[in-house]
Structure formats: C-alpha cells, structure tokens
PDB file of N, CA and C in Angstrom:
ATOM      1  N   MET A   1      -5.538   7.676  12.401  1.00  0.00           N
ATOM      2  CA  MET A   1      -4.773   6.524  12.008  1.00  0.00           C
ATOM      3  C   MET A   1      -3.955   6.845  10.766  1.00  0.00           C
ATOM      4  N   GLY A   2      -2.694   6.494  10.776  1.00  0.00           N
ATOM      5  CA  GLY A   2      -1.815   6.805   9.661  1.00  0.00           C
ATOM      6  C   GLY A   2      -2.020   5.896   8.471  1.00  0.00           C
ATOM      7  N   HIS A   3      -1.726   6.437   7.285  1.00  0.00           N
ATOM      8  CA  HIS A   3      -1.709   5.621   6.082  1.00  0.00           C
ATOM      9  C   HIS A   3      -0.990   6.345   4.949  1.00  0.00           C
ATOM     10  N   LEU A   4      -0.581   5.561   3.957  1.00  0.00           N
ATOM     11  CA  LEU A   4       0.113   6.055   2.765  1.00  0.00           C
ATOM     12  C   LEU A   4      -0.726   5.715   1.546  1.00  0.00           C
ATOM     13  N   SER A   5      -0.927   6.707   0.685  1.00  0.00           N
ATOM     14  CA  SER A   5      -1.678   6.485  -0.549  1.00  0.00           C
ATOM     15  C   SER A   5      -0.993   7.203  -1.702  1.00  0.00           C
ATOM     16  N   THR A   6      -1.404   6.851  -2.919  1.00  0.00           N
ATOM     17  CA  THR A   6      -0.895   7.510  -4.119  1.00  0.00           C
ATOM     18  C   THR A   6      -2.031   7.634  -5.128  1.00  0.00           C
ATOM     19  N   HIS A   7      -1.817   8.487  -6.110  1.00  0.00           N
ATOM     20  CA  HIS A   7      -2.779   8.721  -7.189  1.00  0.00           C
ATOM     21  C   HIS A   7      -1.960   9.226  -8.364  1.00  0.00           C
ATOM     22  N   VAL A   8      -2.157   8.652  -9.553  1.00  0.00           N
ATOM     23  CA  VAL A   8      -1.384   9.071 -10.726  1.00  0.00           C
ATOM     24  C   VAL A   8      -2.329   9.546 -11.813  1.00  0.00           C
ATOM     25  N   LEU A   9      -2.011  10.728 -12.348  1.00  0.00           N
ATOM     26  CA  LEU A   9      -2.768  11.289 -13.463  1.00  0.00           C
ATOM     27  C   LEU A   9      -1.876  11.348 -14.698  1.00  0.00           C
ATOM     28  N   ASP A  10      -2.406  10.891 -15.815  1.00  0.00           N
ATOM     29  CA  ASP A  10      -1.759  10.927 -17.125  1.00  0.00           C
ATOM     30  C   ASP A  10      -2.084  12.294 -17.711  1.00  0.00           C
ATOM     31  N   ILE A  11      -1.104  13.201 -17.715  1.00  0.00           N
ATOM     32  CA  ILE A  11      -1.377  14.561 -18.192  1.00  0.00           C
ATOM     33  C   ILE A  11      -1.246  14.680 -19.707  1.00  0.00           C
ATOM     34  N   MET A  12      -0.779  13.622 -20.375  1.00  0.00           N
ATOM     35  CA  MET A  12      -0.761  13.622 -21.842  1.00  0.00           C
ATOM     36  C   MET A  12      -2.175  13.420 -22.376  1.00  0.00           C
ATOM     37  N   HIS A  13      -2.899  12.490 -21.763  1.00  0.00           N
ATOM     38  CA  HIS A  13      -4.244  12.147 -22.221  1.00  0.00           C
ATOM     39  C   HIS A  13      -5.351  12.765 -21.364  1.00  0.00           C
ATOM     40  N   GLY A  14      -4.975  13.386 -20.234  1.00  0.00           N
ATOM     41  CA  GLY A  14      -5.966  14.027 -19.373  1.00  0.00           C
ATOM     42  C   GLY A  14      -6.868  13.039 -18.659  1.00  0.00           C
ATOM     43  N   CYS A  15      -6.253  11.974 -18.095  1.00  0.00           N
ATOM     44  CA  CYS A  15      -7.055  10.948 -17.430  1.00  0.00           C
ATOM     45  C   CYS A  15      -6.227  10.274 -16.336  1.00  0.00           C
ATOM     46  N   PRO A  16      -6.867   9.478 -15.480  1.00  0.00           N
ATOM     47  CA  PRO A  16      -6.106   8.700 -14.502  1.00  0.00           C
ATOM     48  C   PRO A  16      -5.205   7.691 -15.232  1.00  0.00           C
ATOM     49  N   ALA A  17      -4.088   7.352 -14.622  1.00  0.00           N
ATOM     50  CA  ALA A  17      -3.114   6.427 -15.220  1.00  0.00           C
ATOM     51  C   ALA A  17      -3.479   4.979 -14.877  1.00  0.00           C
ATOM     52  N   ALA A  18      -4.644   4.559 -15.328  1.00  0.00           N
ATOM     53  CA  ALA A  18      -5.117   3.193 -15.083  1.00  0.00           C
ATOM     54  C   ALA A  18      -4.171   2.190 -15.718  1.00  0.00           C
ATOM     55  N   GLY A  19      -3.757   1.191 -14.929  1.00  0.00           N
ATOM     56  CA  GLY A  19      -2.872   0.157 -15.437  1.00  0.00           C
ATOM     57  C   GLY A  19      -1.396   0.396 -15.189  1.00  0.00           C
ATOM     58  N   MET A  20      -1.025   1.564 -14.664  1.00  0.00           N
ATOM     59  CA  MET A  20       0.390   1.812 -14.374  1.00  0.00           C
ATOM     60  C   MET A  20       0.846   0.939 -13.212  1.00  0.00           C
ATOM     61  N   SER A  21       2.039   0.401 -13.328  1.00  0.00           N
ATOM     62  CA  SER A  21       2.639  -0.398 -12.264  1.00  0.00           C
ATOM     63  C   SER A  21       3.409   0.514 -11.304  1.00  0.00           C
ATOM     64  N   VAL A  22       3.276   0.229 -10.004  1.00  0.00           N
ATOM     65  CA  VAL A  22       3.944   1.005  -8.960  1.00  0.00           C
ATOM     66  C   VAL A  22       4.545   0.031  -7.947  1.00  0.00           C
ATOM     67  N   THR A  23       5.784   0.311  -7.547  1.00  0.00           N
ATOM     68  CA  THR A  23       6.441  -0.498  -6.522  1.00  0.00           C
ATOM     69  C   THR A  23       6.734   0.379  -5.313  1.00  0.00           C
ATOM     70  N   LEU A  24       6.386  -0.109  -4.134  1.00  0.00           N
ATOM     71  CA  LEU A  24       6.693   0.554  -2.873  1.00  0.00           C
ATOM     72  C   LEU A  24       7.913  -0.122  -2.265  1.00  0.00           C
ATOM     73  N   GLN A  25       8.907   0.686  -1.898  1.00  0.00           N
ATOM     74  CA  GLN A  25      10.133   0.167  -1.301  1.00  0.00           C
ATOM     75  C   GLN A  25      10.415   0.858   0.021  1.00  0.00           C
ATOM     76  N   ARG A  26      11.091   0.154   0.921  1.00  0.00           N
ATOM     77  CA  ARG A  26      11.573   0.719   2.193  1.00  0.00           C
ATOM     78  C   ARG A  26      13.080   0.859   2.062  1.00  0.00           C
ATOM     79  N   ILE A  27      13.619   2.017   2.441  1.00  0.00           N
ATOM     80  CA  ILE A  27      15.049   2.295   2.338  1.00  0.00           C
ATOM     81  C   ILE A  27      15.628   2.327   3.739  1.00  0.00           C
ATOM     82  N   SER A  28      16.663   1.523   3.959  1.00  0.00           N
ATOM     83  CA  SER A  28      17.343   1.469   5.250  1.00  0.00           C
ATOM     84  C   SER A  28      18.841   1.517   4.985  1.00  0.00           C
ATOM     85  N   GLY A  29      19.437   2.687   5.180  1.00  0.00           N
ATOM     86  CA  GLY A  29      20.847   2.856   4.838  1.00  0.00           C
ATOM     87  C   GLY A  29      21.026   2.678   3.344  1.00  0.00           C
ATOM     88  N   THR A  30      21.866   1.713   2.944  1.00  0.00           N
ATOM     89  CA  THR A  30      22.059   1.437   1.523  1.00  0.00           C
ATOM     90  C   THR A  30      21.169   0.290   1.041  1.00  0.00           C
ATOM     91  N   ASP A  31      20.420  -0.319   1.950  1.00  0.00           N
ATOM     92  CA  ASP A  31      19.527  -1.425   1.584  1.00  0.00           C
ATOM     93  C   ASP A  31      18.172  -0.897   1.121  1.00  0.00           C
ATOM     94  N   VAL A  32      17.668  -1.493   0.045  1.00  0.00           N
ATOM     95  CA  VAL A  32      16.347  -1.159  -0.471  1.00  0.00           C
ATOM     96  C   VAL A  32      15.551  -2.454  -0.539  1.00  0.00           C
ATOM     97  N   HIS A  33      14.402  -2.485   0.130  1.00  0.00           N
ATOM     98  CA  HIS A  33      13.553  -3.671   0.177  1.00  0.00           C
ATOM     99  C   HIS A  33      12.213  -3.354  -0.476  1.00  0.00           C
ATOM    100  N   SER A  34      11.842  -4.129  -1.486  1.00  0.00           N
ATOM    101  CA  SER A  34      10.530  -3.967  -2.110  1.00  0.00           C
ATOM    102  C   SER A  34       9.471  -4.555  -1.192  1.00  0.00           C
ATOM    103  N   LEU A  35       8.468  -3.750  -0.877  1.00  0.00           N
ATOM    104  CA  LEU A  35       7.379  -4.181  -0.005  1.00  0.00           C
ATOM    105  C   LEU A  35       6.204  -4.740  -0.793  1.00  0.00           C
ATOM    106  N   ARG A  36       5.921  -4.100  -1.936  1.00  0.00           N
ATOM    107  CA  ARG A  36       4.837  -4.585  -2.786  1.00  0.00           C
ATOM    108  C   ARG A  36       4.854  -3.880  -4.126  1.00  0.00           C
ATOM    109  N   THR A  37       4.343  -4.572  -5.129  1.00  0.00           N
ATOM    110  CA  THR A  37       4.165  -4.015  -6.467  1.00  0.00           C
ATOM    111  C   THR A  37       2.708  -4.196  -6.823  1.00  0.00           C
ATOM    112  N   LEU A  38       2.113  -3.175  -7.419  1.00  0.00           N
ATOM    113  CA  LEU A  38       0.700  -3.240  -7.747  1.00  0.00           C
ATOM    114  C   LEU A  38       0.414  -2.482  -9.026  1.00  0.00           C
ATOM    115  N   THR A  39      -0.788  -2.668  -9.534  1.00  0.00           N
ATOM    116  CA  THR A  39      -1.253  -1.992 -10.739  1.00  0.00           C
ATOM    117  C   THR A  39      -2.385  -1.052 -10.350  1.00  0.00           C
ATOM    118  N   LEU A  40      -2.312   0.185 -10.833  1.00  0.00           N
ATOM    119  CA  LEU A  40      -3.325   1.178 -10.485  1.00  0.00           C
ATOM    120  C   LEU A  40      -4.659   0.877 -11.170  1.00  0.00           C
ATOM    121  N   ASN A  41      -5.739   1.188 -10.470  1.00  0.00           N
ATOM    122  CA  ASN A  41      -7.085   0.920 -10.973  1.00  0.00           C
ATOM    123  C   ASN A  41      -7.548   2.005 -11.955  1.00  0.00           C
ATOM    124  N   ALA A  42      -8.803   1.938 -12.364  1.00  0.00           N
ATOM    125  CA  ALA A  42      -9.361   2.859 -13.360  1.00  0.00           C
ATOM    126  C   ALA A  42      -9.309   4.313 -12.914  1.00  0.00           C
ATOM    127  N   ASP A  43      -9.222   4.552 -11.610  1.00  0.00           N
ATOM    128  CA  ASP A  43      -9.134   5.911 -11.082  1.00  0.00           C
ATOM    129  C   ASP A  43      -7.684   6.348 -10.866  1.00  0.00           C
ATOM    130  N   GLY A  44      -6.722   5.502 -11.250  1.00  0.00           N
ATOM    131  CA  GLY A  44      -5.312   5.827 -11.052  1.00  0.00           C
ATOM    132  C   GLY A  44      -4.877   5.692  -9.602  1.00  0.00           C
ATOM    133  N   ARG A  45      -5.619   4.902  -8.835  1.00  0.00           N
ATOM    134  CA  ARG A  45      -5.343   4.686  -7.411  1.00  0.00           C
ATOM    135  C   ARG A  45      -5.157   3.192  -7.149  1.00  0.00           C
ATOM    136  N   THR A  46      -4.831   2.862  -5.916  1.00  0.00           N
ATOM    137  CA  THR A  46      -4.650   1.461  -5.546  1.00  0.00           C
ATOM    138  C   THR A  46      -5.978   0.842  -5.117  1.00  0.00           C
ATOM    139  N   ASP A  47      -6.153  -0.420  -5.448  1.00  0.00           N
ATOM    140  CA  ASP A  47      -7.305  -1.176  -4.956  1.00  0.00           C
ATOM    141  C   ASP A  47      -6.954  -1.756  -3.594  1.00  0.00           C
ATOM    142  N   GLY A  48      -7.954  -2.029  -2.801  1.00  0.00           N
ATOM    143  CA  GLY A  48      -7.725  -2.718  -1.537  1.00  0.00           C
ATOM    144  C   GLY A  48      -7.172  -1.859  -0.431  1.00  0.00           C
ATOM    145  N   GLY A  49      -7.390  -0.564  -0.492  1.00  0.00           N
ATOM    146  CA  GLY A  49      -6.945   0.300   0.594  1.00  0.00           C
ATOM    147  C   GLY A  49      -5.598   0.941   0.343  1.00  0.00           C
ATOM    148  N   PRO A  50      -5.052   1.548   1.383  1.00  0.00           N
ATOM    149  CA  PRO A  50      -3.798   2.298   1.236  1.00  0.00           C
ATOM    150  C   PRO A  50      -2.586   1.386   1.018  1.00  0.00           C
ATOM    151  N   LEU A  51      -1.498   1.981   0.555  1.00  0.00           N
ATOM    152  CA  LEU A  51      -0.233   1.256   0.375  1.00  0.00           C
ATOM    153  C   LEU A  51       0.312   0.776   1.713  1.00  0.00           C
ATOM    154  N   LEU A  52       0.217   1.626   2.714  1.00  0.00           N
ATOM    155  CA  LEU A  52       0.537   1.274   4.100  1.00  0.00           C
ATOM    156  C   LEU A  52      -0.644   1.722   4.940  1.00  0.00           C
ATOM    157  N   ASP A  53      -1.080   0.883   5.856  1.00  0.00           N
ATOM    158  CA  ASP A  53      -2.192   1.254   6.728  1.00  0.00           C
ATOM    159  C   ASP A  53      -1.680   1.468   8.150  1.00  0.00           C
ATOM    160  N   ALA A  54      -2.580   1.704   9.073  1.00  0.00           N
ATOM    161  CA  ALA A  54      -2.201   2.010  10.460  1.00  0.00           C
ATOM    162  C   ALA A  54      -1.347   0.908  11.077  1.00  0.00           C
ATOM    163  N   GLN A  55      -1.563  -0.337  10.678  1.00  0.00           N
ATOM    164  CA  GLN A  55      -0.802  -1.447  11.257  1.00  0.00           C
ATOM    165  C   GLN A  55       0.594  -1.563  10.653  1.00  0.00           C
ATOM    166  N   THR A  56       0.789  -1.092   9.419  1.00  0.00           N
ATOM    167  CA  THR A  56       2.083  -1.266   8.748  1.00  0.00           C
ATOM    168  C   THR A  56       2.896   0.022   8.627  1.00  0.00           C
ATOM    169  N   MET A  57       2.308   1.159   8.979  1.00  0.00           N
ATOM    170  CA  MET A  57       3.043   2.435   8.911  1.00  0.00           C
ATOM    171  C   MET A  57       4.162   2.445   9.944  1.00  0.00           C
ATOM    172  N   ALA A  58       5.324   2.900   9.514  1.00  0.00           N
ATOM    173  CA  ALA A  58       6.456   3.057  10.423  1.00  0.00           C
ATOM    174  C   ALA A  58       7.271   4.239   9.944  1.00  0.00           C
ATOM    175  N   ALA A  59       7.855   4.959  10.874  1.00  0.00           N
ATOM    176  CA  ALA A  59       8.732   6.063  10.504  1.00  0.00           C
ATOM    177  C   ALA A  59       9.904   5.513   9.706  1.00  0.00           C
ATOM    178  N   GLY A  60      10.368   6.294   8.738  1.00  0.00           N
ATOM    179  CA  GLY A  60      11.514   5.869   7.951  1.00  0.00           C
ATOM    180  C   GLY A  60      11.481   6.443   6.549  1.00  0.00           C
ATOM    181  N   ARG A  61      12.414   5.955   5.739  1.00  0.00           N
ATOM    182  CA  ARG A  61      12.540   6.408   4.357  1.00  0.00           C
ATOM    183  C   ARG A  61      11.915   5.372   3.425  1.00  0.00           C
ATOM    184  N   TYR A  62      11.193   5.884   2.423  1.00  0.00           N
ATOM    185  CA  TYR A  62      10.483   5.036   1.475  1.00  0.00           C
ATOM    186  C   TYR A  62      10.709   5.547   0.059  1.00  0.00           C
ATOM    187  N   ARG A  63      10.371   4.698  -0.900  1.00  0.00           N
ATOM    188  CA  ARG A  63      10.452   5.072  -2.317  1.00  0.00           C
ATOM    189  C   ARG A  63       9.258   4.448  -3.032  1.00  0.00           C
ATOM    190  N   LEU A  64       8.630   5.248  -3.880  1.00  0.00           N
ATOM    191  CA  LEU A  64       7.639   4.746  -4.828  1.00  0.00           C
ATOM    192  C   LEU A  64       8.281   4.803  -6.204  1.00  0.00           C
ATOM    193  N   VAL A  65       8.212   3.705  -6.957  1.00  0.00           N
ATOM    194  CA  VAL A  65       8.770   3.655  -8.307  1.00  0.00           C
ATOM    195  C   VAL A  65       7.613   3.442  -9.278  1.00  0.00           C
ATOM    196  N   PHE A  66       7.405   4.434 -10.139  1.00  0.00           N
ATOM    197  CA  PHE A  66       6.303   4.429 -11.097  1.00  0.00           C
ATOM    198  C   PHE A  66       6.838   4.045 -12.480  1.00  0.00           C
ATOM    199  N   ALA A  67       6.253   3.042 -13.115  1.00  0.00           N
ATOM    200  CA  ALA A  67       6.684   2.559 -14.432  1.00  0.00           C
ATOM    201  C   ALA A  67       6.024   3.404 -15.529  1.00  0.00           C
ATOM    202  N   VAL A  68       6.550   4.609 -15.719  1.00  0.00           N
ATOM    203  CA  VAL A  68       5.931   5.594 -16.607  1.00  0.00           C
ATOM    204  C   VAL A  68       6.041   5.190 -18.081  1.00  0.00           C
ATOM    205  N   ALA A  69       7.231   4.841 -18.561  1.00  0.00           N
ATOM    206  CA  ALA A  69       7.397   4.493 -19.984  1.00  0.00           C
ATOM    207  C   ALA A  69       6.572   3.266 -20.350  1.00  0.00           C
ATOM    208  N   ALA A  70       6.603   2.245 -19.517  1.00  0.00           N
ATOM    209  CA  ALA A  70       5.814   1.029 -19.800  1.00  0.00           C
ATOM    210  C   ALA A  70       4.329   1.365 -19.900  1.00  0.00           C
ATOM    211  N   TYR A  71       3.864   2.244 -19.029  1.00  0.00           N
ATOM    212  CA  TYR A  71       2.461   2.663 -19.069  1.00  0.00           C
ATOM    213  C   TYR A  71       2.141   3.344 -20.403  1.00  0.00           C
ATOM    214  N   PHE A  72       2.959   4.335 -20.809  1.00  0.00           N
ATOM    215  CA  PHE A  72       2.659   5.067 -22.047  1.00  0.00           C
ATOM    216  C   PHE A  72       2.795   4.172 -23.275  1.00  0.00           C
ATOM    217  N   ARG A  73       3.753   3.266 -23.256  1.00  0.00           N
ATOM    218  CA  ARG A  73       3.850   2.309 -24.372  1.00  0.00           C
ATOM    219  C   ARG A  73       2.588   1.454 -24.456  1.00  0.00           C
ATOM    220  N   SER A  74       2.049   1.063 -23.287  1.00  0.00           N
ATOM    221  CA  SER A  74       0.831   0.233 -23.290  1.00  0.00           C
ATOM    222  C   SER A  74      -0.366   1.009 -23.840  1.00  0.00           C
ATOM    223  N   LYS A  75      -0.278   2.330 -23.851  1.00  0.00           N
ATOM    224  CA  LYS A  75      -1.342   3.181 -24.389  1.00  0.00           C
ATOM    225  C   LYS A  75      -1.100   3.515 -25.853  1.00  0.00           C
ATOM    226  N   GLY A  76      -0.056   2.926 -26.459  1.00  0.00           N
ATOM    227  CA  GLY A  76       0.210   3.137 -27.879  1.00  0.00           C
ATOM    228  C   GLY A  76       1.075   4.340 -28.192  1.00  0.00           C
ATOM    229  N   VAL A  77       1.671   4.950 -27.173  1.00  0.00           N
ATOM    230  CA  VAL A  77       2.528   6.108 -27.412  1.00  0.00           C
ATOM    231  C   VAL A  77       3.893   5.611 -27.900  1.00  0.00           C
ATOM    232  N   ALA A  78       4.341   6.127 -29.047  1.00  0.00           N
ATOM    233  CA  ALA A  78       5.646   5.766 -29.594  1.00  0.00           C
ATOM    234  C   ALA A  78       6.720   6.529 -28.816  1.00  0.00           C
ATOM    235  N   LEU A  79       7.573   5.795 -28.122  1.00  0.00           N
ATOM    236  CA  LEU A  79       8.638   6.397 -27.336  1.00  0.00           C
ATOM    237  C   LEU A  79       9.987   5.989 -27.915  1.00  0.00           C
ATOM    238  N   PRO A  80      10.991   6.863 -27.792  1.00  0.00           N
ATOM    239  CA  PRO A  80      12.326   6.480 -28.248  1.00  0.00           C
ATOM    240  C   PRO A  80      12.910   5.402 -27.340  1.00  0.00           C
ATOM    241  N   ASP A  81      13.989   4.779 -27.798  1.00  0.00           N
ATOM    242  CA  ASP A  81      14.677   3.784 -26.985  1.00  0.00           C
ATOM    243  C   ASP A  81      16.113   4.237 -26.780  1.00  0.00           C
ATOM    244  N   PRO A  82      16.484   4.614 -25.581  1.00  0.00           N
ATOM    245  CA  PRO A  82      15.696   4.579 -24.357  1.00  0.00           C
ATOM    246  C   PRO A  82      14.725   5.755 -24.284  1.00  0.00           C
ATOM    247  N   PRO A  83      13.663   5.601 -23.498  1.00  0.00           N
ATOM    248  CA  PRO A  83      12.706   6.700 -23.359  1.00  0.00           C
ATOM    249  C   PRO A  83      13.313   7.853 -22.554  1.00  0.00           C
ATOM    250  N   PHE A  84      12.799   9.038 -22.766  1.00  0.00           N
ATOM    251  CA  PHE A  84      13.274  10.192 -21.996  1.00  0.00           C
ATOM    252  C   PHE A  84      13.018   9.985 -20.511  1.00  0.00           C
ATOM    253  N   ILE A  85      11.807   9.565 -20.160  1.00  0.00           N
ATOM    254  CA  ILE A  85      11.472   9.210 -18.777  1.00  0.00           C
ATOM    255  C   ILE A  85      11.045   7.753 -18.794  1.00  0.00           C
ATOM    256  N   ASP A  86      11.763   6.921 -18.043  1.00  0.00           N
ATOM    257  CA  ASP A  86      11.446   5.502 -17.982  1.00  0.00           C
ATOM    258  C   ASP A  86      10.670   5.224 -16.699  1.00  0.00           C
ATOM    259  N   GLU A  87      11.367   5.106 -15.602  1.00  0.00           N
ATOM    260  CA  GLU A  87      10.734   4.939 -14.298  1.00  0.00           C
ATOM    261  C   GLU A  87      10.942   6.210 -13.484  1.00  0.00           C
ATOM    262  N   VAL A  88       9.962   6.551 -12.675  1.00  0.00           N
ATOM    263  CA  VAL A  88      10.053   7.724 -11.807  1.00  0.00           C
ATOM    264  C   VAL A  88      10.124   7.242 -10.361  1.00  0.00           C
ATOM    265  N   PRO A  89      11.311   7.381  -9.732  1.00  0.00           N
ATOM    266  CA  PRO A  89      11.408   7.052  -8.306  1.00  0.00           C
ATOM    267  C   PRO A  89      11.171   8.307  -7.479  1.00  0.00           C
ATOM    268  N   ILE A  90      10.327   8.201  -6.484  1.00  0.00           N
ATOM    269  CA  ILE A  90      10.088   9.323  -5.572  1.00  0.00           C
ATOM    270  C   ILE A  90      10.463   8.850  -4.177  1.00  0.00           C
ATOM    271  N   ASP A  91      11.536   9.426  -3.638  1.00  0.00           N
ATOM    272  CA  ASP A  91      11.977   9.119  -2.277  1.00  0.00           C
ATOM    273  C   ASP A  91      11.332  10.105  -1.320  1.00  0.00           C
ATOM    274  N   PHE A  92      10.827   9.600  -0.216  1.00  0.00           N
ATOM    275  CA  PHE A  92      10.165  10.466   0.763  1.00  0.00           C
ATOM    276  C   PHE A  92      10.320   9.844   2.144  1.00  0.00           C
ATOM    277  N   GLY A  93      10.097  10.661   3.149  1.00  0.00           N
ATOM    278  CA  GLY A  93      10.198  10.196   4.521  1.00  0.00           C
ATOM    279  C   GLY A  93       8.865  10.240   5.231  1.00  0.00           C
ATOM    280  N   ILE A  94       8.669   9.266   6.107  1.00  0.00           N
ATOM    281  CA  ILE A  94       7.515   9.257   7.002  1.00  0.00           C
ATOM    282  C   ILE A  94       8.053   9.517   8.401  1.00  0.00           C
ATOM    283  N   ALA A  95       7.750  10.689   8.928  1.00  0.00           N
ATOM    284  CA  ALA A  95       8.225  11.066  10.259  1.00  0.00           C
ATOM    285  C   ALA A  95       7.200  10.707  11.329  1.00  0.00           C
ATOM    286  N   ASP A  96       5.925  10.786  10.963  1.00  0.00           N
ATOM    287  CA  ASP A  96       4.837  10.535  11.912  1.00  0.00           C
ATOM    288  C   ASP A  96       3.997   9.357  11.434  1.00  0.00           C
ATOM    289  N   PRO A  97       4.175   8.166  12.011  1.00  0.00           N
ATOM    290  CA  PRO A  97       3.407   7.000  11.565  1.00  0.00           C
ATOM    291  C   PRO A  97       1.897   7.137  11.749  1.00  0.00           C
ATOM    292  N   ASP A  98       1.459   8.129  12.504  1.00  0.00           N
ATOM    293  CA  ASP A  98       0.027   8.373  12.674  1.00  0.00           C
ATOM    294  C   ASP A  98      -0.513   9.373  11.651  1.00  0.00           C
ATOM    295  N   GLY A  99       0.370   9.891  10.786  1.00  0.00           N
ATOM    296  CA  GLY A  99      -0.043  10.886   9.805  1.00  0.00           C
ATOM    297  C   GLY A  99      -0.558  10.274   8.521  1.00  0.00           C
ATOM    298  N   HIS A 100      -1.183  11.121   7.703  1.00  0.00           N
ATOM    299  CA  HIS A 100      -1.653  10.721   6.377  1.00  0.00           C
ATOM    300  C   HIS A 100      -0.644  11.248   5.373  1.00  0.00           C
ATOM    301  N   TYR A 101      -0.051  10.341   4.618  1.00  0.00           N
ATOM    302  CA  TYR A 101       0.920  10.691   3.585  1.00  0.00           C
ATOM    303  C   TYR A 101       0.334  10.291   2.241  1.00  0.00           C
ATOM    304  N   HIS A 102       0.121  11.290   1.377  1.00  0.00           N
ATOM    305  CA  HIS A 102      -0.423  11.060   0.043  1.00  0.00           C
ATOM    306  C   HIS A 102       0.609  11.561  -0.955  1.00  0.00           C
ATOM    307  N   VAL A 103       1.033  10.675  -1.874  1.00  0.00           N
ATOM    308  CA  VAL A 103       2.084  11.009  -2.845  1.00  0.00           C
ATOM    309  C   VAL A 103       1.499  10.911  -4.254  1.00  0.00           C
ATOM    310  N   PRO A 104       0.946  12.012  -4.774  1.00  0.00           N
ATOM    311  CA  PRO A 104       0.404  12.001  -6.121  1.00  0.00           C
ATOM    312  C   PRO A 104       1.514  12.199  -7.156  1.00  0.00           C
ATOM    313  N   LEU A 105       1.270  11.715  -8.371  1.00  0.00           N
ATOM    314  CA  LEU A 105       2.193  11.918  -9.481  1.00  0.00           C
ATOM    315  C   LEU A 105       1.393  12.374 -10.685  1.00  0.00           C
ATOM    316  N   LEU A 106       1.859  13.423 -11.327  1.00  0.00           N
ATOM    317  CA  LEU A 106       1.318  13.896 -12.603  1.00  0.00           C
ATOM    318  C   LEU A 106       2.394  13.575 -13.624  1.00  0.00           C
ATOM    319  N   ALA A 107       2.074  12.800 -14.672  1.00  0.00           N
ATOM    320  CA  ALA A 107       3.127  12.312 -15.560  1.00  0.00           C
ATOM    321  C   ALA A 107       2.731  12.362 -17.028  1.00  0.00           C
ATOM    322  N   SER A 108       3.745  12.588 -17.864  1.00  0.00           N
ATOM    323  CA  SER A 108       3.657  12.440 -19.310  1.00  0.00           C
ATOM    324  C   SER A 108       4.968  11.762 -19.729  1.00  0.00           C
ATOM    325  N   PRO A 109       5.147  11.451 -21.002  1.00  0.00           N
ATOM    326  CA  PRO A 109       6.420  10.854 -21.413  1.00  0.00           C
ATOM    327  C   PRO A 109       7.612  11.806 -21.291  1.00  0.00           C
ATOM    328  N   TRP A 110       7.352  13.103 -21.066  1.00  0.00           N
ATOM    329  CA  TRP A 110       8.426  14.094 -21.068  1.00  0.00           C
ATOM    330  C   TRP A 110       8.584  14.885 -19.781  1.00  0.00           C
ATOM    331  N   THR A 111       7.644  14.736 -18.862  1.00  0.00           N
ATOM    332  CA  THR A 111       7.723  15.507 -17.619  1.00  0.00           C
ATOM    333  C   THR A 111       6.920  14.812 -16.522  1.00  0.00           C
ATOM    334  N   TYR A 112       7.221  15.193 -15.279  1.00  0.00           N
ATOM    335  CA  TYR A 112       6.414  14.723 -14.153  1.00  0.00           C
ATOM    336  C   TYR A 112       6.559  15.705 -13.005  1.00  0.00           C
ATOM    337  N   SER A 113       5.579  15.674 -12.104  1.00  0.00           N
ATOM    338  CA  SER A 113       5.651  16.474 -10.885  1.00  0.00           C
ATOM    339  C   SER A 113       4.945  15.724  -9.775  1.00  0.00           C
ATOM    340  N   THR A 114       5.312  16.067  -8.557  1.00  0.00           N
ATOM    341  CA  THR A 114       4.724  15.447  -7.383  1.00  0.00           C
ATOM    342  C   THR A 114       4.665  16.475  -6.270  1.00  0.00           C
ATOM    343  N   TYR A 115       3.977  16.146  -5.210  1.00  0.00           N
ATOM    344  CA  TYR A 115       3.845  17.008  -4.043  1.00  0.00           C
ATOM    345  C   TYR A 115       3.276  16.154  -2.920  1.00  0.00           C
ATOM    346  N   ARG A 116       3.262  16.679  -1.716  1.00  0.00           N
ATOM    347  CA  ARG A 116       2.592  15.968  -0.632  1.00  0.00           C
ATOM    348  C   ARG A 116       1.132  16.386  -0.648  1.00  0.00           C
ATOM    349  N   GLY A 117       0.292  15.463  -0.995  1.00  0.00           N
ATOM    350  CA  GLY A 117      -1.133  15.738  -1.108  1.00  0.00           C
ATOM    351  C   GLY A 117      -1.838  15.599   0.227  1.00  0.00           C
ATOM    352  N   SER A 118      -3.147  15.706   0.169  1.00  0.00           N
ATOM    353  CA  SER A 118      -3.946  15.611   1.387  1.00  0.00           C
ATOM    354  C   SER A 118      -4.890  14.426   1.319  1.00  0.00           C
TER     355      SER A 118
END
C-alpha cells in the first residue's frame, strides 16, 4: 500500500525538529493547492499516520514546504532579517501510487539536504 511520509532533523542542535510546521501541496500545471498543514511531533515526524495514505495517494507532482526559519527562531536562534533560509520547498513526483515515498529533510539555519528515504 502506498504512502507519503517525512522526517526532519535539526542538524544545528542534533535533534528531531519538533514543532516545525510543514505544508503539503499538490501541483497541477501552474496551480498549487495546499492539502494540509501540520506541526511535527517530538520525533520530527507527523502524528496520525502518513501525509498521504493508500486511499489518498495519486500519481502527480507535489511540494512539501518546511518553515525552517520560524522553527529556528522558536528555538531562540538569532537569525538575520531576512533569514538566509526561510522556507524550504521540496518539489517531487509520485509516479507509483502504490509505492512508499519518504522525504526526509536535514536542516540548519544555513543549509539543508534531502533525499528519497526508505
């Protein structure tokens, strides 16, 4: 059964990014539709299951938008205005709705990386 998940690690503090806000969007041509916005739990993951489950997975283009600067400010990190990294959008495609798509993010106020996880 297909599903979409994410996990965010705060590489500045060496811990999960608990409390970071994430928005899932569906991209169709030039239209972008927000599907849901949520706050990551103590493990830097979503509560209540995957972002998309077997019933809601569909082939297409998607975007996850991670509120990185807001998260680090909430942790007391002094950031310039504007911050070097504010929001991190990750655009990706789902080709197989029966597949498992995991989109992890490793983030600090100055850098980030992602990959297709397992």
